[in-house]
């Protein structure tokens, strides 16, 4: 982890892990995105996430509006959902102590 050019020590994240900590890398996150772009199937063809479960994850569960910045936030199950040029964008990100990530994909258009 870094802040600017300064390397930070690794901390014990055990207590906040259930909030969504995923220790990963670009190579593995790419496989994760590919799973969703392949309708829940691994490269081997094995189904890991059913089509019904995936559709449920990408269905709006809550919707909020922040008038001050005119931002509409829609959430599915663990994902933020947004329309970009009439295309569904699914995304999530996170930041903690020198780490940052953003994962996004358009499941209906095979873009990740």
C-alpha atoms as a PDB file:
ATOM      1  CA  UNK A   1       0.000   0.000   0.000  1.00  0.00           C
ATOM      2  CA  UNK A   2       1.059   3.556  -0.767  1.00  0.00           C
ATOM      3  CA  UNK A   3      -0.012   7.115  -0.116  1.00  0.00           C
ATOM      4  CA  UNK A   4       1.665   9.255  -2.744  1.00  0.00           C
ATOM      5  CA  UNK A   5       5.269   8.025  -2.917  1.00  0.00           C
ATOM      6  CA  UNK A   6       5.283   6.723   0.656  1.00  0.00           C
ATOM      7  CA  UNK A   7       4.925   2.998   1.255  1.00  0.00           C
ATOM      8  CA  UNK A   8       2.583   2.158   4.128  1.00  0.00           C
ATOM      9  CA  UNK A   9       2.812  -0.887   6.407  1.00  0.00           C
ATOM     10  CA  UNK A  10       0.337  -3.712   5.870  1.00  0.00           C
ATOM     11  CA  UNK A  11      -2.343  -3.658   8.549  1.00  0.00           C
ATOM     12  CA  UNK A  12      -4.466  -6.440  10.037  1.00  0.00           C
ATOM     13  CA  UNK A  13      -7.817  -6.190   8.238  1.00  0.00           C
ATOM     14  CA  UNK A  14      -9.348  -9.256   9.934  1.00  0.00           C
ATOM     15  CA  UNK A  15     -12.062  -7.317  11.771  1.00  0.00           C
ATOM     16  CA  UNK A  16     -13.324  -5.442   8.717  1.00  0.00           C
ATOM     17  CA  UNK A  17     -13.050  -8.344   6.267  1.00  0.00           C
ATOM     18  CA  UNK A  18     -16.807  -9.027   6.265  1.00  0.00           C
ATOM     19  CA  UNK A  19     -17.381  -5.491   4.974  1.00  0.00           C
ATOM     20  CA  UNK A  20     -16.039  -6.639   1.630  1.00  0.00           C
ATOM     21  CA  UNK A  21     -12.276  -6.910   1.722  1.00  0.00           C
ATOM     22  CA  UNK A  22     -11.014  -8.839  -1.276  1.00  0.00           C
ATOM     23  CA  UNK A  23      -7.264  -9.326  -1.451  1.00  0.00           C
ATOM     24  CA  UNK A  24      -6.576  -9.833  -5.127  1.00  0.00           C
ATOM     25  CA  UNK A  25      -4.706  -8.654  -8.202  1.00  0.00           C
ATOM     26  CA  UNK A  26      -5.509  -7.537 -11.733  1.00  0.00           C
ATOM     27  CA  UNK A  27      -5.001 -11.022 -13.175  1.00  0.00           C
ATOM     28  CA  UNK A  28      -7.557 -12.607 -10.828  1.00  0.00           C
ATOM     29  CA  UNK A  29     -10.010  -9.704 -10.996  1.00  0.00           C
ATOM     30  CA  UNK A  30      -9.959 -10.084 -14.786  1.00  0.00           C
ATOM     31  CA  UNK A  31     -11.019 -13.731 -14.381  1.00  0.00           C
ATOM     32  CA  UNK A  32     -13.787 -12.608 -12.023  1.00  0.00           C
ATOM     33  CA  UNK A  33     -15.120 -10.105 -14.578  1.00  0.00           C
ATOM     34  CA  UNK A  34     -14.871 -12.765 -17.308  1.00  0.00           C
ATOM     35  CA  UNK A  35     -17.048 -15.042 -15.155  1.00  0.00           C
ATOM     36  CA  UNK A  36     -19.877 -12.496 -15.236  1.00  0.00           C
ATOM     37  CA  UNK A  37     -19.381 -11.718 -18.925  1.00  0.00           C
ATOM     38  CA  UNK A  38     -19.645 -15.470 -19.588  1.00  0.00           C
ATOM     39  CA  UNK A  39     -23.018 -15.741 -17.811  1.00  0.00           C
ATOM     40  CA  UNK A  40     -21.575 -17.260 -14.645  1.00  0.00           C
ATOM     41  CA  UNK A  41     -19.492 -19.923 -16.392  1.00  0.00           C
ATOM     42  CA  UNK A  42     -15.793 -20.567 -15.911  1.00  0.00           C
ATOM     43  CA  UNK A  43     -13.464 -20.864 -18.917  1.00  0.00           C
ATOM     44  CA  UNK A  44     -13.807 -24.657 -18.501  1.00  0.00           C
ATOM     45  CA  UNK A  45     -17.558 -24.342 -19.094  1.00  0.00           C
ATOM     46  CA  UNK A  46     -18.503 -25.192 -15.510  1.00  0.00           C
ATOM     47  CA  UNK A  47     -21.303 -23.018 -14.134  1.00  0.00           C
ATOM     48  CA  UNK A  48     -20.249 -21.259 -10.946  1.00  0.00           C
ATOM     49  CA  UNK A  49     -23.071 -18.676 -10.720  1.00  0.00           C
ATOM     50  CA  UNK A  50     -26.490 -19.555 -12.145  1.00  0.00           C
ATOM     51  CA  UNK A  51     -28.066 -17.250 -14.700  1.00  0.00           C
ATOM     52  CA  UNK A  52     -30.945 -16.625 -12.268  1.00  0.00           C
ATOM     53  CA  UNK A  53     -28.539 -15.639  -9.479  1.00  0.00           C
ATOM     54  CA  UNK A  54     -26.606 -13.347 -11.779  1.00  0.00           C
ATOM     55  CA  UNK A  55     -29.778 -11.637 -12.979  1.00  0.00           C
ATOM     56  CA  UNK A  56     -30.821 -11.183  -9.341  1.00  0.00           C
ATOM     57  CA  UNK A  57     -27.463  -9.564  -8.490  1.00  0.00           C
ATOM     58  CA  UNK A  58     -27.908  -7.102 -11.348  1.00  0.00           C
ATOM     59  CA  UNK A  59     -31.522  -6.151 -10.486  1.00  0.00           C
ATOM     60  CA  UNK A  60     -32.072  -2.811  -8.747  1.00  0.00           C
ATOM     61  CA  UNK A  61     -32.728  -3.301  -5.020  1.00  0.00           C
ATOM     62  CA  UNK A  62     -32.430   0.317  -3.900  1.00  0.00           C
ATOM     63  CA  UNK A  63     -32.246   3.713  -5.493  1.00  0.00           C
ATOM     64  CA  UNK A  64     -31.067   7.002  -4.030  1.00  0.00           C
ATOM     65  CA  UNK A  65     -30.621  10.521  -5.349  1.00  0.00           C
ATOM     66  CA  UNK A  66     -28.134  13.105  -4.121  1.00  0.00           C
ATOM     67  CA  UNK A  67     -29.662  16.396  -5.332  1.00  0.00           C
ATOM     68  CA  UNK A  68     -26.638  18.569  -4.507  1.00  0.00           C
ATOM     69  CA  UNK A  69     -24.584  16.847  -7.206  1.00  0.00           C
ATOM     70  CA  UNK A  70     -27.517  15.377  -9.187  1.00  0.00           C
ATOM     71  CA  UNK A  71     -26.270  11.827  -8.700  1.00  0.00           C
ATOM     72  CA  UNK A  72     -28.567   8.817  -8.990  1.00  0.00           C
ATOM     73  CA  UNK A  73     -27.308   5.686  -7.240  1.00  0.00           C
ATOM     74  CA  UNK A  74     -28.911   2.327  -7.943  1.00  0.00           C
ATOM     75  CA  UNK A  75     -27.746  -0.803  -6.193  1.00  0.00           C
ATOM     76  CA  UNK A  76     -28.209  -4.489  -6.845  1.00  0.00           C
ATOM     77  CA  UNK A  77     -26.868  -7.258  -4.630  1.00  0.00           C
ATOM     78  CA  UNK A  78     -23.275  -6.146  -4.029  1.00  0.00           C
ATOM     79  CA  UNK A  79     -23.086  -4.057  -7.198  1.00  0.00           C
ATOM     80  CA  UNK A  80     -23.827  -0.500  -8.269  1.00  0.00           C
ATOM     81  CA  UNK A  81     -25.928  -0.286 -11.429  1.00  0.00           C
ATOM     82  CA  UNK A  82     -25.837   2.564 -13.898  1.00  0.00           C
ATOM     83  CA  UNK A  83     -26.956   3.251 -17.469  1.00  0.00           C
ATOM     84  CA  UNK A  84     -24.316   4.653 -19.799  1.00  0.00           C
ATOM     85  CA  UNK A  85     -25.436   5.464 -23.347  1.00  0.00           C
ATOM     86  CA  UNK A  86     -28.406   3.091 -22.862  1.00  0.00           C
ATOM     87  CA  UNK A  87     -26.087   0.279 -21.726  1.00  0.00           C
ATOM     88  CA  UNK A  88     -26.180  -1.329 -18.291  1.00  0.00           C
ATOM     89  CA  UNK A  89     -22.948  -0.715 -16.394  1.00  0.00           C
ATOM     90  CA  UNK A  90     -22.272  -2.893 -13.336  1.00  0.00           C
ATOM     91  CA  UNK A  91     -19.503  -1.726 -11.022  1.00  0.00           C
ATOM     92  CA  UNK A  92     -18.045  -1.660  -7.555  1.00  0.00           C
ATOM     93  CA  UNK A  93     -14.965  -0.167  -6.015  1.00  0.00           C
ATOM     94  CA  UNK A  94     -13.263   0.271  -2.728  1.00  0.00           C
ATOM     95  CA  UNK A  95     -10.448   2.029  -0.920  1.00  0.00           C
ATOM     96  CA  UNK A  96      -8.605   1.334   2.299  1.00  0.00           C
ATOM     97  CA  UNK A  97      -5.213   2.376   3.671  1.00  0.00           C
ATOM     98  CA  UNK A  98      -3.232   2.737   0.462  1.00  0.00           C
ATOM     99  CA  UNK A  99      -5.245   0.332  -1.694  1.00  0.00           C
ATOM    100  CA  UNK A 100      -7.854   1.215  -4.296  1.00  0.00           C
ATOM    101  CA  UNK A 101      -9.864  -0.764  -6.818  1.00  0.00           C
ATOM    102  CA  UNK A 102     -12.614  -0.261  -9.372  1.00  0.00           C
ATOM    103  CA  UNK A 103     -14.200  -3.144 -11.265  1.00  0.00           C
ATOM    104  CA  UNK A 104     -16.803  -2.520 -13.939  1.00  0.00           C
ATOM    105  CA  UNK A 105     -18.404  -4.310 -16.860  1.00  0.00           C
ATOM    106  CA  UNK A 106     -21.336  -4.205 -19.273  1.00  0.00           C
ATOM    107  CA  UNK A 107     -22.755  -7.743 -19.135  1.00  0.00           C
ATOM    108  CA  UNK A 108     -25.069  -7.309 -22.116  1.00  0.00           C
ATOM    109  CA  UNK A 109     -22.236  -6.096 -24.361  1.00  0.00           C
ATOM    110  CA  UNK A 110     -19.275  -8.314 -23.361  1.00  0.00           C
ATOM    111  CA  UNK A 111     -17.223  -5.335 -22.184  1.00  0.00           C
ATOM    112  CA  UNK A 112     -15.246  -5.392 -18.939  1.00  0.00           C
END
